[in-house]
PDB file of all heavy atoms in Angstrom:
ATOM      1  N   MET A   1       0.197  -4.214  -8.076  1.00  0.00           N
ATOM      2  CA  MET A   1       1.170  -3.944  -9.136  1.00  0.00           C
ATOM      3  C   MET A   1       1.053  -2.498  -9.584  1.00  0.00           C
ATOM      4  O   MET A   1      -0.035  -2.036  -9.943  1.00  0.00           O
ATOM      5  CB  MET A   1       0.915  -4.883 -10.324  1.00  0.00           C
ATOM      6  CG  MET A   1       1.820  -4.651 -11.525  1.00  0.00           C
ATOM      7  SD  MET A   1       3.487  -5.227 -11.226  1.00  0.00           S
ATOM      8  CE  MET A   1       4.459  -4.156 -12.268  1.00  0.00           C
ATOM      9  N   PHE A   2       2.169  -1.779  -9.539  1.00  0.00           N
ATOM     10  CA  PHE A   2       2.245  -0.404 -10.014  1.00  0.00           C
ATOM     11  C   PHE A   2       3.346  -0.313 -11.069  1.00  0.00           C
ATOM     12  O   PHE A   2       4.351  -1.025 -10.979  1.00  0.00           O
ATOM     13  CB  PHE A   2       2.601   0.554  -8.874  1.00  0.00           C
ATOM     14  CG  PHE A   2       1.599   0.573  -7.749  1.00  0.00           C
ATOM     15  CD1 PHE A   2       1.698  -0.324  -6.701  1.00  0.00           C
ATOM     16  CD2 PHE A   2       0.579   1.504  -7.740  1.00  0.00           C
ATOM     17  CE1 PHE A   2       0.788  -0.301  -5.654  1.00  0.00           C
ATOM     18  CE2 PHE A   2      -0.343   1.540  -6.695  1.00  0.00           C
ATOM     19  CZ  PHE A   2      -0.241   0.630  -5.652  1.00  0.00           C
ATOM     20  N   THR A   3       3.193   0.587 -12.019  1.00  0.00           N
ATOM     21  CA  THR A   3       4.288   0.830 -12.951  1.00  0.00           C
ATOM     22  C   THR A   3       5.440   1.498 -12.199  1.00  0.00           C
ATOM     23  O   THR A   3       6.585   1.071 -12.289  1.00  0.00           O
ATOM     24  CB  THR A   3       3.829   1.726 -14.118  1.00  0.00           C
ATOM     25  OG1 THR A   3       2.689   1.118 -14.742  1.00  0.00           O
ATOM     26  CG2 THR A   3       4.942   1.870 -15.148  1.00  0.00           C
ATOM     27  N   LEU A   4       5.119   2.548 -11.440  1.00  0.00           N
ATOM     28  CA  LEU A   4       6.117   3.267 -10.644  1.00  0.00           C
ATOM     29  C   LEU A   4       5.708   3.242  -9.178  1.00  0.00           C
ATOM     30  O   LEU A   4       4.530   3.414  -8.844  1.00  0.00           O
ATOM     31  CB  LEU A   4       6.239   4.718 -11.115  1.00  0.00           C
ATOM     32  CG  LEU A   4       6.626   4.936 -12.585  1.00  0.00           C
ATOM     33  CD1 LEU A   4       6.545   6.412 -12.929  1.00  0.00           C
ATOM     34  CD2 LEU A   4       8.007   4.390 -12.871  1.00  0.00           C
ATOM     35  N   ALA A   5       6.679   3.064  -8.299  1.00  0.00           N
ATOM     36  CA  ALA A   5       6.393   2.998  -6.859  1.00  0.00           C
ATOM     37  C   ALA A   5       5.885   4.329  -6.319  1.00  0.00           C
ATOM     38  O   ALA A   5       5.205   4.357  -5.282  1.00  0.00           O
ATOM     39  CB  ALA A   5       7.646   2.573  -6.107  1.00  0.00           C
ATOM     40  N   THR A   6       6.185   5.426  -6.995  1.00  0.00           N
ATOM     41  CA  THR A   6       5.724   6.732  -6.518  1.00  0.00           C
ATOM     42  C   THR A   6       4.193   6.813  -6.467  1.00  0.00           C
ATOM     43  O   THR A   6       3.644   7.564  -5.656  1.00  0.00           O
ATOM     44  CB  THR A   6       6.256   7.864  -7.415  1.00  0.00           C
ATOM     45  OG1 THR A   6       5.992   7.548  -8.794  1.00  0.00           O
ATOM     46  CG2 THR A   6       7.750   8.067  -7.220  1.00  0.00           C
ATOM     47  N   THR A   7       3.511   6.056  -7.323  1.00  0.00           N
ATOM     48  CA  THR A   7       2.044   6.028  -7.292  1.00  0.00           C
ATOM     49  C   THR A   7       1.553   5.456  -5.968  1.00  0.00           C
ATOM     50  O   THR A   7       0.633   5.989  -5.341  1.00  0.00           O
ATOM     51  CB  THR A   7       1.482   5.194  -8.456  1.00  0.00           C
ATOM     52  OG1 THR A   7       2.006   5.677  -9.694  1.00  0.00           O
ATOM     53  CG2 THR A   7      -0.040   5.257  -8.493  1.00  0.00           C
ATOM     54  N   ALA A   8       2.190   4.373  -5.531  1.00  0.00           N
ATOM     55  CA  ALA A   8       1.831   3.760  -4.241  1.00  0.00           C
ATOM     56  C   ALA A   8       2.113   4.725  -3.095  1.00  0.00           C
ATOM     57  O   ALA A   8       1.302   4.872  -2.176  1.00  0.00           O
ATOM     58  CB  ALA A   8       2.603   2.461  -4.049  1.00  0.00           C
ATOM     59  N   GLU A   9       3.249   5.400  -3.159  1.00  0.00           N
ATOM     60  CA  GLU A   9       3.630   6.331  -2.090  1.00  0.00           C
ATOM     61  C   GLU A   9       2.692   7.538  -2.032  1.00  0.00           C
ATOM     62  O   GLU A   9       2.367   8.030  -0.955  1.00  0.00           O
ATOM     63  CB  GLU A   9       5.067   6.796  -2.293  1.00  0.00           C
ATOM     64  CG  GLU A   9       6.103   5.685  -2.125  1.00  0.00           C
ATOM     65  CD  GLU A   9       7.506   6.134  -2.467  1.00  0.00           C
ATOM     66  OE1 GLU A   9       7.701   6.736  -3.537  1.00  0.00           O
ATOM     67  OE2 GLU A   9       8.403   5.888  -1.657  1.00  0.00           O
ATOM     68  N   SER A  10       2.264   8.003  -3.191  1.00  0.00           N
ATOM     69  CA  SER A  10       1.427   9.204  -3.255  1.00  0.00           C
ATOM     70  C   SER A  10      -0.006   8.950  -2.802  1.00  0.00           C
ATOM     71  O   SER A  10      -0.616   9.789  -2.142  1.00  0.00           O
ATOM     72  CB  SER A  10       1.409   9.767  -4.686  1.00  0.00           C
ATOM     73  OG  SER A  10       2.699  10.166  -5.085  1.00  0.00           O
ATOM     74  N   PHE A  11      -0.556   7.781  -3.169  1.00  0.00           N
ATOM     75  CA  PHE A  11      -1.984   7.559  -2.958  1.00  0.00           C
ATOM     76  C   PHE A  11      -2.338   6.487  -1.928  1.00  0.00           C
ATOM     77  O   PHE A  11      -3.491   6.411  -1.499  1.00  0.00           O
ATOM     78  CB  PHE A  11      -2.653   7.196  -4.288  1.00  0.00           C
ATOM     79  CG  PHE A  11      -2.578   8.294  -5.317  1.00  0.00           C
ATOM     80  CD1 PHE A  11      -1.742   8.180  -6.415  1.00  0.00           C
ATOM     81  CD2 PHE A  11      -3.324   9.449  -5.174  1.00  0.00           C
ATOM     82  CE1 PHE A  11      -1.670   9.192  -7.362  1.00  0.00           C
ATOM     83  CE2 PHE A  11      -3.257  10.467  -6.110  1.00  0.00           C
ATOM     84  CZ  PHE A  11      -2.426  10.337  -7.211  1.00  0.00           C
ATOM     85  N   PHE A  12      -1.376   5.648  -1.526  1.00  0.00           N
ATOM     86  CA  PHE A  12      -1.722   4.531  -0.649  1.00  0.00           C
ATOM     87  C   PHE A  12      -0.932   4.506   0.656  1.00  0.00           C
ATOM     88  O   PHE A  12      -1.027   3.557   1.413  1.00  0.00           O
ATOM     89  CB  PHE A  12      -1.550   3.205  -1.403  1.00  0.00           C
ATOM     90  CG  PHE A  12      -2.533   3.057  -2.541  1.00  0.00           C
ATOM     91  CD1 PHE A  12      -2.221   3.519  -3.811  1.00  0.00           C
ATOM     92  CD2 PHE A  12      -3.781   2.493  -2.324  1.00  0.00           C
ATOM     93  CE1 PHE A  12      -3.138   3.418  -4.851  1.00  0.00           C
ATOM     94  CE2 PHE A  12      -4.697   2.380  -3.358  1.00  0.00           C
ATOM     95  CZ  PHE A  12      -4.381   2.842  -4.623  1.00  0.00           C
ATOM     96  N   ASP A  13      -0.170   5.553   0.896  1.00  0.00           N
ATOM     97  CA  ASP A  13       0.574   5.648   2.149  1.00  0.00           C
ATOM     98  C   ASP A  13      -0.422   5.772   3.301  1.00  0.00           C
ATOM     99  O   ASP A  13      -1.276   6.654   3.298  1.00  0.00           O
ATOM    100  CB  ASP A  13       1.507   6.861   2.112  1.00  0.00           C
ATOM    101  CG  ASP A  13       2.428   6.930   3.313  1.00  0.00           C
ATOM    102  OD1 ASP A  13       2.645   5.892   3.960  1.00  0.00           O
ATOM    103  OD2 ASP A  13       2.938   8.031   3.608  1.00  0.00           O
ATOM    104  N   GLY A  14      -0.320   4.917   4.262  1.00  0.00           N
ATOM    105  CA  GLY A  14      -1.262   4.920   5.376  1.00  0.00           C
ATOM    106  C   GLY A  14      -2.397   3.940   5.163  1.00  0.00           C
ATOM    107  O   GLY A  14      -2.763   3.188   6.073  1.00  0.00           O
ATOM    108  N   GLN A  15      -2.951   3.925   3.958  1.00  0.00           N
ATOM    109  CA  GLN A  15      -4.027   2.973   3.648  1.00  0.00           C
ATOM    110  C   GLN A  15      -3.518   1.535   3.740  1.00  0.00           C
ATOM    111  O   GLN A  15      -4.207   0.659   4.294  1.00  0.00           O
ATOM    112  CB  GLN A  15      -4.585   3.232   2.250  1.00  0.00           C
ATOM    113  CG  GLN A  15      -5.728   2.306   1.870  1.00  0.00           C
ATOM    114  CD  GLN A  15      -6.200   2.472   0.435  1.00  0.00           C
ATOM    115  OE1 GLN A  15      -6.537   1.505  -0.234  1.00  0.00           O
ATOM    116  NE2 GLN A  15      -6.240   3.707  -0.059  1.00  0.00           N
ATOM    117  N   PHE A  16      -2.314   1.293   3.205  1.00  0.00           N
ATOM    118  CA  PHE A  16      -1.751  -0.056   3.274  1.00  0.00           C
ATOM    119  C   PHE A  16      -1.469  -0.454   4.722  1.00  0.00           C
ATOM    120  O   PHE A  16      -1.637  -1.613   5.101  1.00  0.00           O
ATOM    121  CB  PHE A  16      -0.481  -0.148   2.426  1.00  0.00           C
ATOM    122  CG  PHE A  16      -0.735  -0.239   0.946  1.00  0.00           C
ATOM    123  CD1 PHE A  16       0.278   0.018   0.030  1.00  0.00           C
ATOM    124  CD2 PHE A  16      -1.975  -0.593   0.452  1.00  0.00           C
ATOM    125  CE1 PHE A  16       0.053  -0.073  -1.332  1.00  0.00           C
ATOM    126  CE2 PHE A  16      -2.214  -0.686  -0.916  1.00  0.00           C
ATOM    127  CZ  PHE A  16      -1.198  -0.428  -1.811  1.00  0.00           C
ATOM    128  N   ALA A  17      -1.054   0.510   5.538  1.00  0.00           N
ATOM    129  CA  ALA A  17      -0.824   0.235   6.964  1.00  0.00           C
ATOM    130  C   ALA A  17      -2.133  -0.155   7.640  1.00  0.00           C
ATOM    131  O   ALA A  17      -2.183  -1.089   8.463  1.00  0.00           O
ATOM    132  CB  ALA A  17      -0.210   1.450   7.645  1.00  0.00           C
ATOM    133  N   TYR A  18      -3.189   0.559   7.303  1.00  0.00           N
ATOM    134  CA  TYR A  18      -4.524   0.280   7.853  1.00  0.00           C
ATOM    135  C   TYR A  18      -4.978  -1.132   7.479  1.00  0.00           C
ATOM    136  O   TYR A  18      -5.492  -1.886   8.324  1.00  0.00           O
ATOM    137  CB  TYR A  18      -5.503   1.322   7.318  1.00  0.00           C
ATOM    138  CG  TYR A  18      -6.949   1.087   7.676  1.00  0.00           C
ATOM    139  CD1 TYR A  18      -7.459   1.505   8.905  1.00  0.00           C
ATOM    140  CD2 TYR A  18      -7.812   0.475   6.777  1.00  0.00           C
ATOM    141  CE1 TYR A  18      -8.799   1.302   9.233  1.00  0.00           C
ATOM    142  CE2 TYR A  18      -9.139   0.259   7.090  1.00  0.00           C
ATOM    143  CZ  TYR A  18      -9.631   0.681   8.320  1.00  0.00           C
ATOM    144  OH  TYR A  18     -10.962   0.470   8.640  1.00  0.00           O
ATOM    145  N   LEU A  19      -4.766  -1.513   6.225  1.00  0.00           N
ATOM    146  CA  LEU A  19      -5.163  -2.848   5.770  1.00  0.00           C
ATOM    147  C   LEU A  19      -4.265  -3.931   6.373  1.00  0.00           C
ATOM    148  O   LEU A  19      -4.729  -5.031   6.677  1.00  0.00           O
ATOM    149  CB  LEU A  19      -5.121  -2.911   4.238  1.00  0.00           C
ATOM    150  CG  LEU A  19      -6.168  -2.038   3.524  1.00  0.00           C
ATOM    151  CD1 LEU A  19      -5.872  -1.952   2.030  1.00  0.00           C
ATOM    152  CD2 LEU A  19      -7.575  -2.574   3.756  1.00  0.00           C
ATOM    153  N   SER A  20      -2.994  -3.599   6.545  1.00  0.00           N
ATOM    154  CA  SER A  20      -2.069  -4.556   7.176  1.00  0.00           C
ATOM    155  C   SER A  20      -2.480  -4.834   8.624  1.00  0.00           C
ATOM    156  O   SER A  20      -2.473  -5.980   9.078  1.00  0.00           O
ATOM    157  CB  SER A  20      -0.633  -4.017   7.133  1.00  0.00           C
ATOM    158  OG  SER A  20      -0.169  -3.899   5.808  1.00  0.00           O
ATOM    159  N   GLU A  21      -2.862  -3.772   9.320  1.00  0.00           N
ATOM    160  CA  GLU A  21      -3.316  -3.923  10.697  1.00  0.00           C
ATOM    161  C   GLU A  21      -4.600  -4.746  10.782  1.00  0.00           C
ATOM    162  O   GLU A  21      -4.874  -5.402  11.796  1.00  0.00           O
ATOM    163  CB  GLU A  21      -3.535  -2.548  11.331  1.00  0.00           C
ATOM    164  CG  GLU A  21      -2.241  -1.802  11.630  1.00  0.00           C
ATOM    165  CD  GLU A  21      -2.486  -0.386  12.119  1.00  0.00           C
ATOM    166  OE1 GLU A  21      -3.667  -0.033  12.346  1.00  0.00           O
ATOM    167  OE2 GLU A  21      -1.503   0.364  12.262  1.00  0.00           O
ATOM    168  N   ALA A  22      -5.380  -4.715   9.689  1.00  0.00           N
ATOM    169  CA  ALA A  22      -6.626  -5.474   9.649  1.00  0.00           C
ATOM    170  C   ALA A  22      -6.392  -6.947   9.301  1.00  0.00           C
ATOM    171  O   ALA A  22      -7.336  -7.726   9.249  1.00  0.00           O
ATOM    172  CB  ALA A  22      -7.581  -4.853   8.634  1.00  0.00           C
ATOM    173  N   GLY A  23      -5.120  -7.302   9.054  1.00  0.00           N
ATOM    174  CA  GLY A  23      -4.790  -8.704   8.814  1.00  0.00           C
ATOM    175  C   GLY A  23      -4.394  -9.054   7.397  1.00  0.00           C
ATOM    176  O   GLY A  23      -4.076 -10.212   7.105  1.00  0.00           O
ATOM    177  N   TYR A  24      -4.390  -8.069   6.507  1.00  0.00           N
ATOM    178  CA  TYR A  24      -4.014  -8.343   5.112  1.00  0.00           C
ATOM    179  C   TYR A  24      -2.490  -8.269   4.950  1.00  0.00           C
ATOM    180  O   TYR A  24      -1.848  -7.358   5.466  1.00  0.00           O
ATOM    181  CB  TYR A  24      -4.693  -7.359   4.163  1.00  0.00           C
ATOM    182  CG  TYR A  24      -6.174  -7.651   3.985  1.00  0.00           C
ATOM    183  CD1 TYR A  24      -7.129  -6.970   4.732  1.00  0.00           C
ATOM    184  CD2 TYR A  24      -6.601  -8.628   3.099  1.00  0.00           C
ATOM    185  CE1 TYR A  24      -8.475  -7.250   4.594  1.00  0.00           C
ATOM    186  CE2 TYR A  24      -7.947  -8.913   2.951  1.00  0.00           C
ATOM    187  CZ  TYR A  24      -8.882  -8.225   3.698  1.00  0.00           C
ATOM    188  OH  TYR A  24     -10.213  -8.509   3.560  1.00  0.00           O
ATOM    189  N   ASN A  25      -1.945  -9.226   4.223  1.00  0.00           N
ATOM    190  CA  ASN A  25      -0.509  -9.277   3.935  1.00  0.00           C
ATOM    191  C   ASN A  25      -0.301  -8.688   2.547  1.00  0.00           C
ATOM    192  O   ASN A  25      -0.589  -9.333   1.535  1.00  0.00           O
ATOM    193  CB  ASN A  25      -0.026 -10.725   3.998  1.00  0.00           C
ATOM    194  CG  ASN A  25       1.470 -10.842   3.796  1.00  0.00           C
ATOM    195  OD1 ASN A  25       2.189  -9.845   3.833  1.00  0.00           O
ATOM    196  ND2 ASN A  25       1.946 -12.049   3.556  1.00  0.00           N
ATOM    197  N   ILE A  26       0.199  -7.461   2.491  1.00  0.00           N
ATOM    198  CA  ILE A  26       0.261  -6.715   1.224  1.00  0.00           C
ATOM    199  C   ILE A  26       1.664  -6.719   0.645  1.00  0.00           C
ATOM    200  O   ILE A  26       2.646  -6.423   1.331  1.00  0.00           O
ATOM    201  CB  ILE A  26      -0.236  -5.272   1.432  1.00  0.00           C
ATOM    202  CG1 ILE A  26      -1.715  -5.301   1.842  1.00  0.00           C
ATOM    203  CG2 ILE A  26      -0.045  -4.435   0.170  1.00  0.00           C
ATOM    204  CD1 ILE A  26      -2.281  -3.947   2.167  1.00  0.00           C
ATOM    205  N   HIS A  27       1.740  -7.043  -0.655  1.00  0.00           N
ATOM    206  CA  HIS A  27       2.987  -7.007  -1.404  1.00  0.00           C
ATOM    207  C   HIS A  27       2.859  -5.930  -2.486  1.00  0.00           C
ATOM    208  O   HIS A  27       1.856  -5.871  -3.191  1.00  0.00           O
ATOM    209  CB  HIS A  27       3.265  -8.357  -2.072  1.00  0.00           C
ATOM    210  CG  HIS A  27       3.526  -9.460  -1.093  1.00  0.00           C
ATOM    211  ND1 HIS A  27       4.743 -10.120  -1.034  1.00  0.00           N
ATOM    212  CD2 HIS A  27       2.738 -10.031  -0.141  1.00  0.00           C
ATOM    213  CE1 HIS A  27       4.690 -11.048  -0.091  1.00  0.00           C
ATOM    214  NE2 HIS A  27       3.482 -11.005   0.468  1.00  0.00           N
ATOM    215  N   VAL A  28       3.855  -5.084  -2.600  1.00  0.00           N
ATOM    216  CA  VAL A  28       3.887  -4.045  -3.629  1.00  0.00           C
ATOM    217  C   VAL A  28       4.902  -4.440  -4.693  1.00  0.00           C
ATOM    218  O   VAL A  28       6.055  -4.749  -4.385  1.00  0.00           O
ATOM    219  CB  VAL A  28       4.254  -2.671  -3.032  1.00  0.00           C
ATOM    220  CG1 VAL A  28       4.488  -1.643  -4.140  1.00  0.00           C
ATOM    221  CG2 VAL A  28       3.158  -2.192  -2.091  1.00  0.00           C
TER     222      VAL A  28
END
């Protein structure tokens, strides 16, 4: 949960892809 999506884009871009590839199903 983020207040603004820009926070996710700024700090978690790529990291979420890495975790998704590891088998985690991520919802923003």
